[in-house]
Structure formats: C-alpha cells, structure tokens
Amino acid sequence: TRRRARMSSTREVRELLERAFAPCAELDVVDVSGECGSAFEVRVVSESFRDKSRIESHRAIHDALGSVMGKIHALSVKVAKAP
C-alpha cells in the first residue's frame, strides 16, 4: 500500500523561517487549510530582507522552506520586508 505523505505543521514552517531569518521583528505562520498542513500564509519582517526586491524576498522564503515545499500545496507570502 502507498503511504500518504505527511503534511507540514505550523510549528515546522515557523521553525524553518525563524532559523533562516533570525532575528525576526515579526513572524506569523497561519495554516489556512483547516489544520491539515497543506496551505499556509506567512508574514516575515526581518533585516534579512533589507535591500532585496519583493521577488528576492519571496524566493528566499521559498528557499528557506525547501525541505517542506514538497508537502505544501499552497504558500501565500503576505509580507516579506525589512522593519
């Protein structure tokens, strides 16, 4: 039998973002998939985004979540900016 891939948890996504963009002035991770771990909205405010374009900032978030992106069906980056 084929096992279903485990979806990501809000905690797992948060930890990856905290590690990549510490210290964060603001970090919100919301599971918008009804807690099944397949869709997230994120808001990240960090000095890491200083002098980066919007596309560069969004790409950095996707890269930081690389290990779980295969389990996430939808990722909405609401905010990715410097303080």
PDB file of N, CA and C in Angstrom:
ATOM      1  N   THR A   1       0.833  -1.192   0.000  1.00  0.00           N
ATOM      2  CA  THR A   1       0.000   0.000   0.000  1.00  0.00           C
ATOM      3  C   THR A   1       0.874   1.252   0.000  1.00  0.00           C
ATOM      4  N   ARG A   2       0.333   2.263  -0.573  1.00  0.00           N
ATOM      5  CA  ARG A   2       1.046   3.537  -0.665  1.00  0.00           C
ATOM      6  C   ARG A   2       0.722   4.408   0.536  1.00  0.00           C
ATOM      7  N   ARG A   3       1.761   4.913   1.180  1.00  0.00           N
ATOM      8  CA  ARG A   3       1.531   5.786   2.333  1.00  0.00           C
ATOM      9  C   ARG A   3       1.386   7.220   1.876  1.00  0.00           C
ATOM     10  N   ARG A   4       0.451   7.907   2.506  1.00  0.00           N
ATOM     11  CA  ARG A   4       0.220   9.314   2.201  1.00  0.00           C
ATOM     12  C   ARG A   4       1.303  10.165   2.852  1.00  0.00           C
ATOM     13  N   ALA A   5       1.847  11.110   2.100  1.00  0.00           N
ATOM     14  CA  ALA A   5       2.895  11.988   2.635  1.00  0.00           C
ATOM     15  C   ALA A   5       2.329  12.838   3.771  1.00  0.00           C
ATOM     16  N   ARG A   6       3.090  12.926   4.845  1.00  0.00           N
ATOM     17  CA  ARG A   6       2.688  13.747   5.985  1.00  0.00           C
ATOM     18  C   ARG A   6       2.808  15.210   5.615  1.00  0.00           C
ATOM     19  N   MET A   7       1.785  15.965   5.906  1.00  0.00           N
ATOM     20  CA  MET A   7       1.805  17.391   5.608  1.00  0.00           C
ATOM     21  C   MET A   7       2.633  18.119   6.672  1.00  0.00           C
ATOM     22  N   SER A   8       2.936  19.354   6.392  1.00  0.00           N
ATOM     23  CA  SER A   8       3.740  20.159   7.315  1.00  0.00           C
ATOM     24  C   SER A   8       2.898  20.723   8.440  1.00  0.00           C
ATOM     25  N   SER A   9       3.563  21.016   9.539  1.00  0.00           N
ATOM     26  CA  SER A   9       2.877  21.636  10.659  1.00  0.00           C
ATOM     27  C   SER A   9       3.246  23.117  10.702  1.00  0.00           C
ATOM     28  N   THR A  10       2.402  23.892  11.333  1.00  0.00           N
ATOM     29  CA  THR A  10       2.678  25.312  11.513  1.00  0.00           C
ATOM     30  C   THR A  10       3.996  25.483  12.251  1.00  0.00           C
ATOM     31  N   ARG A  11       4.233  24.652  13.258  1.00  0.00           N
ATOM     32  CA  ARG A  11       5.475  24.719  14.034  1.00  0.00           C
ATOM     33  C   ARG A  11       6.698  24.456  13.154  1.00  0.00           C
ATOM     34  N   GLU A  12       6.610  23.472  12.287  1.00  0.00           N
ATOM     35  CA  GLU A  12       7.718  23.128  11.395  1.00  0.00           C
ATOM     36  C   GLU A  12       8.045  24.295  10.456  1.00  0.00           C
ATOM     37  N   VAL A  13       7.028  24.906   9.874  1.00  0.00           N
ATOM     38  CA  VAL A  13       7.222  26.041   8.969  1.00  0.00           C
ATOM     39  C   VAL A  13       7.813  27.217   9.742  1.00  0.00           C
ATOM     40  N   ARG A  14       7.263  27.491  10.918  1.00  0.00           N
ATOM     41  CA  ARG A  14       7.753  28.596  11.758  1.00  0.00           C
ATOM     42  C   ARG A  14       9.226  28.397  12.117  1.00  0.00           C
ATOM     43  N   GLU A  15       9.600  27.207  12.534  1.00  0.00           N
ATOM     44  CA  GLU A  15      10.984  26.938  12.914  1.00  0.00           C
ATOM     45  C   GLU A  15      11.952  27.148  11.759  1.00  0.00           C
ATOM     46  N   LEU A  16      11.581  26.711  10.565  1.00  0.00           N
ATOM     47  CA  LEU A  16      12.437  26.907   9.397  1.00  0.00           C
ATOM     48  C   LEU A  16      12.615  28.388   9.078  1.00  0.00           C
ATOM     49  N   LEU A  17      11.530  29.152   9.173  1.00  0.00           N
ATOM     50  CA  LEU A  17      11.607  30.587   8.892  1.00  0.00           C
ATOM     51  C   LEU A  17      12.397  31.313   9.973  1.00  0.00           C
ATOM     52  N   GLU A  18      12.195  30.941  11.233  1.00  0.00           N
ATOM     53  CA  GLU A  18      12.962  31.558  12.321  1.00  0.00           C
ATOM     54  C   GLU A  18      14.452  31.320  12.135  1.00  0.00           C
ATOM     55  N   ARG A  19      14.803  30.104  11.767  1.00  0.00           N
ATOM     56  CA  ARG A  19      16.209  29.757  11.566  1.00  0.00           C
ATOM     57  C   ARG A  19      16.817  30.551  10.407  1.00  0.00           C
ATOM     58  N   ALA A  20      16.073  30.720   9.343  1.00  0.00           N
ATOM     59  CA  ALA A  20      16.588  31.389   8.149  1.00  0.00           C
ATOM     60  C   ALA A  20      16.664  32.907   8.293  1.00  0.00           C
ATOM     61  N   PHE A  21      15.732  33.512   9.033  1.00  0.00           N
ATOM     62  CA  PHE A  21      15.628  34.974   9.046  1.00  0.00           C
ATOM     63  C   PHE A  21      15.784  35.599  10.429  1.00  0.00           C
ATOM     64  N   ALA A  22      16.380  34.885  11.366  1.00  0.00           N
ATOM     65  CA  ALA A  22      16.564  35.408  12.730  1.00  0.00           C
ATOM     66  C   ALA A  22      17.505  36.599  12.734  1.00  0.00           C
ATOM     67  N   PRO A  23      17.255  37.563  13.572  1.00  0.00           N
ATOM     68  CA  PRO A  23      16.051  37.682  14.385  1.00  0.00           C
ATOM     69  C   PRO A  23      14.921  38.299  13.559  1.00  0.00           C
ATOM     70  N   CYS A  24      13.727  37.818  13.773  1.00  0.00           N
ATOM     71  CA  CYS A  24      12.556  38.338  13.067  1.00  0.00           C
ATOM     72  C   CYS A  24      11.871  39.391  13.935  1.00  0.00           C
ATOM     73  N   ALA A  25      11.566  40.520  13.342  1.00  0.00           N
ATOM     74  CA  ALA A  25      10.791  41.543  14.042  1.00  0.00           C
ATOM     75  C   ALA A  25       9.333  41.106  14.117  1.00  0.00           C
ATOM     76  N   GLU A  26       8.918  40.337  13.119  1.00  0.00           N
ATOM     77  CA  GLU A  26       7.558  39.804  13.079  1.00  0.00           C
ATOM     78  C   GLU A  26       7.593  38.504  12.306  1.00  0.00           C
ATOM     79  N   LEU A  27       6.897  37.495  12.814  1.00  0.00           N
ATOM     80  CA  LEU A  27       6.783  36.223  12.115  1.00  0.00           C
ATOM     81  C   LEU A  27       5.430  35.618  12.444  1.00  0.00           C
ATOM     82  N   ASP A  28       4.591  35.512  11.436  1.00  0.00           N
ATOM     83  CA  ASP A  28       3.282  34.885  11.589  1.00  0.00           C
ATOM     84  C   ASP A  28       3.174  33.770  10.566  1.00  0.00           C
ATOM     85  N   VAL A  29       2.754  32.622  11.022  1.00  0.00           N
ATOM     86  CA  VAL A  29       2.513  31.474  10.148  1.00  0.00           C
ATOM     87  C   VAL A  29       1.115  30.980  10.469  1.00  0.00           C
ATOM     88  N   VAL A  30       0.245  30.969   9.465  1.00  0.00           N
ATOM     89  CA  VAL A  30      -1.133  30.545   9.669  1.00  0.00           C
ATOM     90  C   VAL A  30      -1.457  29.415   8.694  1.00  0.00           C
ATOM     91  N   ASP A  31      -1.950  28.312   9.249  1.00  0.00           N
ATOM     92  CA  ASP A  31      -2.408  27.192   8.425  1.00  0.00           C
ATOM     93  C   ASP A  31      -3.817  27.548   7.943  1.00  0.00           C
ATOM     94  N   VAL A  32      -3.950  27.783   6.653  1.00  0.00           N
ATOM     95  CA  VAL A  32      -5.244  28.184   6.089  1.00  0.00           C
ATOM     96  C   VAL A  32      -5.936  27.011   5.397  1.00  0.00           C
ATOM     97  N   SER A  33      -5.471  25.798   5.712  1.00  0.00           N
ATOM     98  CA  SER A  33      -6.034  24.605   5.066  1.00  0.00           C
ATOM     99  C   SER A  33      -6.943  23.825   6.014  1.00  0.00           C
ATOM    100  N   GLY A  34      -7.411  24.485   7.056  1.00  0.00           N
ATOM    101  CA  GLY A  34      -8.244  23.780   8.021  1.00  0.00           C
ATOM    102  C   GLY A  34      -7.426  22.837   8.882  1.00  0.00           C
ATOM    103  N   GLU A  35      -6.181  23.252   9.165  1.00  0.00           N
ATOM    104  CA  GLU A  35      -5.267  22.495  10.029  1.00  0.00           C
ATOM    105  C   GLU A  35      -4.800  21.173   9.440  1.00  0.00           C
ATOM    106  N   CYS A  36      -4.866  21.020   8.121  1.00  0.00           N
ATOM    107  CA  CYS A  36      -4.349  19.776   7.545  1.00  0.00           C
ATOM    108  C   CYS A  36      -2.906  19.936   7.069  1.00  0.00           C
ATOM    109  N   GLY A  37      -2.361  21.153   7.133  1.00  0.00           N
ATOM    110  CA  GLY A  37      -0.952  21.359   6.834  1.00  0.00           C
ATOM    111  C   GLY A  37      -0.589  21.422   5.370  1.00  0.00           C
ATOM    112  N   SER A  38      -1.554  21.765   4.530  1.00  0.00           N
ATOM    113  CA  SER A  38      -1.255  21.809   3.098  1.00  0.00           C
ATOM    114  C   SER A  38      -1.206  23.220   2.523  1.00  0.00           C
ATOM    115  N   ALA A  39      -1.650  24.222   3.290  1.00  0.00           N
ATOM    116  CA  ALA A  39      -1.645  25.599   2.790  1.00  0.00           C
ATOM    117  C   ALA A  39      -1.362  26.557   3.945  1.00  0.00           C
ATOM    118  N   PHE A  40      -0.447  27.497   3.679  1.00  0.00           N
ATOM    119  CA  PHE A  40      -0.029  28.434   4.723  1.00  0.00           C
ATOM    120  C   PHE A  40       0.027  29.856   4.188  1.00  0.00           C
ATOM    121  N   GLU A  41      -0.242  30.804   5.080  1.00  0.00           N
ATOM    122  CA  GLU A  41       0.024  32.222   4.845  1.00  0.00           C
ATOM    123  C   GLU A  41       1.136  32.613   5.804  1.00  0.00           C
ATOM    124  N   VAL A  42       2.119  33.355   5.284  1.00  0.00           N
ATOM    125  CA  VAL A  42       3.216  33.779   6.152  1.00  0.00           C
ATOM    126  C   VAL A  42       3.452  35.279   6.026  1.00  0.00           C
ATOM    127  N   ARG A  43       3.882  35.840   7.142  1.00  0.00           N
ATOM    128  CA  ARG A  43       4.303  37.243   7.226  1.00  0.00           C
ATOM    129  C   ARG A  43       5.653  37.225   7.926  1.00  0.00           C
ATOM    130  N   VAL A  44       6.679  37.739   7.245  1.00  0.00           N
ATOM    131  CA  VAL A  44       8.015  37.755   7.826  1.00  0.00           C
ATOM    132  C   VAL A  44       8.591  39.158   7.698  1.00  0.00           C
ATOM    133  N   VAL A  45       8.944  39.758   8.819  1.00  0.00           N
ATOM    134  CA  VAL A  45       9.614  41.057   8.838  1.00  0.00           C
ATOM    135  C   VAL A  45      10.978  40.813   9.463  1.00  0.00           C
ATOM    136  N   SER A  46      12.035  41.032   8.672  1.00  0.00           N
ATOM    137  CA  SER A  46      13.387  40.732   9.126  1.00  0.00           C
ATOM    138  C   SER A  46      14.394  41.618   8.403  1.00  0.00           C
ATOM    139  N   GLU A  47      15.471  41.932   9.085  1.00  0.00           N
ATOM    140  CA  GLU A  47      16.564  42.687   8.465  1.00  0.00           C
ATOM    141  C   GLU A  47      17.132  41.944   7.261  1.00  0.00           C
ATOM    142  N   SER A  48      16.928  40.644   7.203  1.00  0.00           N
ATOM    143  CA  SER A  48      17.424  39.832   6.088  1.00  0.00           C
ATOM    144  C   SER A  48      16.893  40.317   4.734  1.00  0.00           C
ATOM    145  N   PHE A  49      15.777  41.017   4.753  1.00  0.00           N
ATOM    146  CA  PHE A  49      15.168  41.476   3.506  1.00  0.00           C
ATOM    147  C   PHE A  49      15.597  42.888   3.099  1.00  0.00           C
ATOM    148  N   ARG A  50      16.429  43.522   3.917  1.00  0.00           N
ATOM    149  CA  ARG A  50      16.901  44.871   3.606  1.00  0.00           C
ATOM    150  C   ARG A  50      17.595  44.854   2.246  1.00  0.00           C
ATOM    151  N   ASP A  51      17.254  45.795   1.386  1.00  0.00           N
ATOM    152  CA  ASP A  51      17.833  45.959   0.046  1.00  0.00           C
ATOM    153  C   ASP A  51      17.528  44.802  -0.905  1.00  0.00           C
ATOM    154  N   LYS A  52      16.517  43.997  -0.595  1.00  0.00           N
ATOM    155  CA  LYS A  52      16.105  42.933  -1.502  1.00  0.00           C
ATOM    156  C   LYS A  52      14.798  43.340  -2.176  1.00  0.00           C
ATOM    157  N   SER A  53      14.655  42.939  -3.420  1.00  0.00           N
ATOM    158  CA  SER A  53      13.394  43.182  -4.120  1.00  0.00           C
ATOM    159  C   SER A  53      12.328  42.240  -3.566  1.00  0.00           C
ATOM    160  N   ARG A  54      11.093  42.500  -3.912  1.00  0.00           N
ATOM    161  CA  ARG A  54       9.990  41.647  -3.463  1.00  0.00           C
ATOM    162  C   ARG A  54      10.201  40.208  -3.952  1.00  0.00           C
ATOM    163  N   ILE A  55      10.610  40.070  -5.194  1.00  0.00           N
ATOM    164  CA  ILE A  55      10.842  38.736  -5.765  1.00  0.00           C
ATOM    165  C   ILE A  55      11.981  38.032  -5.024  1.00  0.00           C
ATOM    166  N   GLU A  56      13.059  38.740  -4.734  1.00  0.00           N
ATOM    167  CA  GLU A  56      14.186  38.147  -3.996  1.00  0.00           C
ATOM    168  C   GLU A  56      13.752  37.707  -2.595  1.00  0.00           C
ATOM    169  N   SER A  57      12.925  38.514  -1.944  1.00  0.00           N
ATOM    170  CA  SER A  57      12.445  38.185  -0.603  1.00  0.00           C
ATOM    171  C   SER A  57      11.552  36.943  -0.631  1.00  0.00           C
ATOM    172  N   HIS A  58      10.646  36.888  -1.590  1.00  0.00           N
ATOM    173  CA  HIS A  58       9.754  35.737  -1.698  1.00  0.00           C
ATOM    174  C   HIS A  58      10.548  34.477  -2.034  1.00  0.00           C
ATOM    175  N   ARG A  59      11.527  34.607  -2.914  1.00  0.00           N
ATOM    176  CA  ARG A  59      12.378  33.469  -3.284  1.00  0.00           C
ATOM    177  C   ARG A  59      13.145  32.960  -2.055  1.00  0.00           C
ATOM    178  N   ALA A  60      13.626  33.882  -1.225  1.00  0.00           N
ATOM    179  CA  ALA A  60      14.350  33.495  -0.014  1.00  0.00           C
ATOM    180  C   ALA A  60      13.455  32.694   0.932  1.00  0.00           C
ATOM    181  N   ILE A  61      12.201  33.076   1.033  1.00  0.00           N
ATOM    182  CA  ILE A  61      11.254  32.338   1.876  1.00  0.00           C
ATOM    183  C   ILE A  61      11.026  30.939   1.315  1.00  0.00           C
ATOM    184  N   HIS A  62      10.825  30.846   0.016  1.00  0.00           N
ATOM    185  CA  HIS A  62      10.641  29.535  -0.611  1.00  0.00           C
ATOM    186  C   HIS A  62      11.881  28.673  -0.410  1.00  0.00           C
ATOM    187  N   ASP A  63      13.060  29.264  -0.549  1.00  0.00           N
ATOM    188  CA  ASP A  63      14.310  28.520  -0.344  1.00  0.00           C
ATOM    189  C   ASP A  63      14.423  28.032   1.095  1.00  0.00           C
ATOM    190  N   ALA A  64      14.049  28.884   2.049  1.00  0.00           N
ATOM    191  CA  ALA A  64      14.119  28.513   3.463  1.00  0.00           C
ATOM    192  C   ALA A  64      13.195  27.339   3.782  1.00  0.00           C
ATOM    193  N   LEU A  65      12.111  27.241   3.049  1.00  0.00           N
ATOM    194  CA  LEU A  65      11.137  26.164   3.265  1.00  0.00           C
ATOM    195  C   LEU A  65      11.354  24.983   2.323  1.00  0.00           C
ATOM    196  N   GLY A  66      12.490  24.970   1.660  1.00  0.00           N
ATOM    197  CA  GLY A  66      12.777  23.946   0.658  1.00  0.00           C
ATOM    198  C   GLY A  66      12.518  22.525   1.118  1.00  0.00           C
ATOM    199  N   SER A  67      12.862  22.203   2.363  1.00  0.00           N
ATOM    200  CA  SER A  67      12.709  20.834   2.848  1.00  0.00           C
ATOM    201  C   SER A  67      11.245  20.419   3.022  1.00  0.00           C
ATOM    202  N   VAL A  68      10.319  21.386   3.090  1.00  0.00           N
ATOM    203  CA  VAL A  68       8.903  21.048   3.259  1.00  0.00           C
ATOM    204  C   VAL A  68       8.035  21.477   2.077  1.00  0.00           C
ATOM    205  N   MET A  69       8.625  22.150   1.106  1.00  0.00           N
ATOM    206  CA  MET A  69       7.815  22.662  -0.007  1.00  0.00           C
ATOM    207  C   MET A  69       7.111  21.545  -0.790  1.00  0.00           C
ATOM    208  N   GLY A  70       7.672  20.363  -0.798  1.00  0.00           N
ATOM    209  CA  GLY A  70       7.024  19.241  -1.479  1.00  0.00           C
ATOM    210  C   GLY A  70       5.758  18.771  -0.786  1.00  0.00           C
ATOM    211  N   LYS A  71       5.590  19.145   0.485  1.00  0.00           N
ATOM    212  CA  LYS A  71       4.412  18.748   1.260  1.00  0.00           C
ATOM    213  C   LYS A  71       3.366  19.860   1.323  1.00  0.00           C
ATOM    214  N   ILE A  72       3.750  21.062   0.918  1.00  0.00           N
ATOM    215  CA  ILE A  72       2.840  22.210   0.973  1.00  0.00           C
ATOM    216  C   ILE A  72       2.233  22.422  -0.410  1.00  0.00           C
ATOM    217  N   HIS A  73       0.924  22.506  -0.470  1.00  0.00           N
ATOM    218  CA  HIS A  73       0.258  22.712  -1.750  1.00  0.00           C
ATOM    219  C   HIS A  73       0.111  24.185  -2.104  1.00  0.00           C
ATOM    220  N   ALA A  74       0.048  25.046  -1.086  1.00  0.00           N
ATOM    221  CA  ALA A  74      -0.108  26.480  -1.332  1.00  0.00           C
ATOM    222  C   ALA A  74       0.613  27.272  -0.253  1.00  0.00           C
ATOM    223  N   LEU A  75       1.397  28.245  -0.707  1.00  0.00           N
ATOM    224  CA  LEU A  75       2.100  29.140   0.213  1.00  0.00           C
ATOM    225  C   LEU A  75       1.829  30.569  -0.243  1.00  0.00           C
ATOM    226  N   SER A  76       1.220  31.332   0.630  1.00  0.00           N
ATOM    227  CA  SER A  76       0.940  32.744   0.341  1.00  0.00           C
ATOM    228  C   SER A  76       1.817  33.603   1.225  1.00  0.00           C
ATOM    229  N   VAL A  77       2.727  34.336   0.598  1.00  0.00           N
ATOM    230  CA  VAL A  77       3.610  35.240   1.336  1.00  0.00           C
ATOM    231  C   VAL A  77       2.907  36.594   1.366  1.00  0.00           C
ATOM    232  N   LYS A  78       2.314  36.914   2.508  1.00  0.00           N
ATOM    233  CA  LYS A  78       1.581  38.173   2.652  1.00  0.00           C
ATOM    234  C   LYS A  78       2.525  39.344   2.864  1.00  0.00           C
ATOM    235  N   VAL A  79       3.589  39.134   3.629  1.00  0.00           N
ATOM    236  CA  VAL A  79       4.581  40.179   3.914  1.00  0.00           C
ATOM    237  C   VAL A  79       5.944  39.536   3.948  1.00  0.00           C
ATOM    238  N   ALA A  80       6.905  40.164   3.273  1.00  0.00           N
ATOM    239  CA  ALA A  80       8.315  39.778   3.339  1.00  0.00           C
ATOM    240  C   ALA A  80       9.089  41.066   3.168  1.00  0.00           C
ATOM    241  N   LYS A  81       9.434  41.691   4.300  1.00  0.00           N
ATOM    242  CA  LYS A  81      10.077  43.013   4.216  1.00  0.00           C
ATOM    243  C   LYS A  81      10.973  43.248   5.415  1.00  0.00           C
ATOM    244  N   ALA A  82      11.787  44.269   5.294  1.00  0.00           N
ATOM    245  CA  ALA A  82      12.630  44.707   6.414  1.00  0.00           C
ATOM    246  C   ALA A  82      11.786  45.590   7.333  1.00  0.00           C
ATOM    247  N   PRO A  83      12.169  45.668   8.615  1.00  0.00           N
ATOM    248  CA  PRO A  83      11.410  46.515   9.547  1.00  0.00           C
ATOM    249  C   PRO A  83      11.483  47.988   9.165  1.00  0.00           C
TER     250      PRO A  83
END
